[in-house]
Protein backbone atom coordinates (compact mmCIF):
# COMPACT_ATOMS: atom_id res chain seq x y z
CA MET A 1 -16.38 -3.06 -1.10
CA PRO A 2 -15.96 -0.99 2.08
CA SER A 3 -15.47 -2.76 5.38
CA THR A 4 -18.49 -3.12 7.62
CA PRO A 5 -18.97 -4.52 11.12
CA GLU A 6 -20.13 -7.76 9.46
CA ARG A 7 -17.20 -7.87 7.00
CA PRO A 8 -13.69 -6.87 8.11
CA ARG A 9 -11.24 -5.06 5.84
CA ARG A 10 -9.39 -7.51 3.59
CA ILE A 11 -5.58 -7.38 3.23
CA ARG A 12 -3.78 -9.62 0.76
CA VAL A 13 -0.11 -10.39 1.47
CA ASP A 14 2.24 -10.84 -1.49
CA PRO A 15 5.62 -12.11 -0.25
CA GLU A 16 7.36 -10.54 -3.26
CA GLY A 17 5.45 -7.28 -3.31
CA PRO A 18 3.12 -4.90 -1.50
CA LEU A 19 0.25 -5.44 0.87
CA LEU A 20 -2.97 -5.11 -1.14
CA VAL A 21 -5.62 -3.45 1.03
CA GLU A 22 -9.29 -2.84 0.24
CA GLY A 23 -9.78 0.92 0.49
CA PRO A 24 -10.32 3.64 1.24
CA VAL A 25 -7.46 3.63 3.75
CA GLU A 26 -5.54 5.92 6.07
CA VAL A 27 -1.87 5.08 6.68
CA ILE A 28 0.21 6.60 9.48
CA THR A 29 3.88 6.59 8.44
CA ASP A 30 6.79 6.08 10.82
CA ASP A 31 7.24 9.86 11.19
CA GLY A 32 3.58 10.27 12.18
CA THR A 33 2.30 11.65 8.86
CA LEU A 34 -1.24 10.55 7.98
CA VAL A 35 -1.70 9.70 4.28
CA VAL A 36 -5.15 8.96 2.83
CA SER A 37 -6.20 7.04 -0.30
CA ARG A 38 -9.85 7.03 -1.36
CA CYS A 39 -9.32 4.28 -3.97
CA PHE A 40 -11.24 0.99 -3.74
CA ALA A 41 -7.92 -0.86 -3.31
CA VAL A 42 -4.37 0.26 -2.55
CA ALA A 43 -0.92 -1.32 -2.69
CA VAL A 44 1.04 -0.49 0.46
CA CYS A 45 4.83 -0.71 0.03
CA THR A 46 6.64 -3.17 2.29
CA CYS A 47 10.14 -2.92 0.78
CA ARG A 48 10.55 0.86 1.34
CA ARG A 49 12.05 1.32 -2.17
CA SER A 50 8.98 3.19 -3.43
CA ARG A 51 9.37 6.86 -4.35
CA ALA A 52 5.65 7.20 -3.56
CA TYR A 53 5.99 5.60 -0.10
CA PRO A 54 3.80 4.44 1.64
CA TRP A 55 2.16 3.52 -1.70
CA CYS A 56 3.85 0.90 -3.87
CA ASP A 57 5.26 2.13 -7.20
CA THR A 58 6.60 -1.34 -8.19
CA SER A 59 10.20 -0.39 -7.33
CA HIS A 60 10.58 -3.87 -5.81
CA ARG A 61 10.47 -5.28 -9.36
CA ARG A 62 13.76 -3.60 -10.34
CA HIS A 63 15.78 -6.12 -8.35
CA GLU A 64 16.51 -9.54 -9.76
CA LYS A 65 14.49 -12.36 -8.23
CA PRO A 66 15.79 -15.88 -7.63
CA ARG A 67 14.83 -18.39 -10.34
CA GLY A 68 11.53 -20.19 -9.95
CA GLN A 69 9.89 -17.35 -8.00
CA ARG A 70 6.49 -16.12 -9.12
CA SER A 71 5.99 -12.54 -10.33
CA PRO A 72 4.51 -9.97 -7.94
CA SER A 73 0.97 -8.68 -8.34
CA PRO A 74 0.56 -5.36 -10.18
CA ALA A 75 0.36 -2.21 -8.07
CA THR A 76 -2.82 -0.21 -7.82
CA ASP A 77 -2.97 3.47 -8.77
CA ASN A 78 -3.60 5.59 -5.70
CA GLU A 79 -4.69 9.09 -4.97
CA GLU A 80 -2.82 10.32 -1.95
CA THR A 81 -3.94 13.16 0.24
CA PRO A 82 -1.46 14.20 2.93
CA VAL A 83 -3.21 15.16 6.14
CA PRO A 84 -1.41 17.43 8.63
CA LYS A 85 -0.34 15.93 11.95
CA GLU A 86 -2.21 16.94 15.05
CA GLY A 87 -1.08 20.33 16.35
CA GLU A 88 0.06 21.64 12.94
């Protein structure tokens, strides 16, 4: 469900995985690139291991977790549309 003035955008934090954000979303990366996803929900990478950064590709799962830790939530498929920076 899209965000509205009455209902803010919802972000779910997974300590072992990505940020799950209700979409569509626009993400500005550290180099200033604007990336857009029109999906109803997206998984934003927080570990920076993703080959599809800023979107999570579950690369964080490849590393062994300490015993007793819960499994991360599955990633969401995303359509990404790079948008040129201002002045390009």
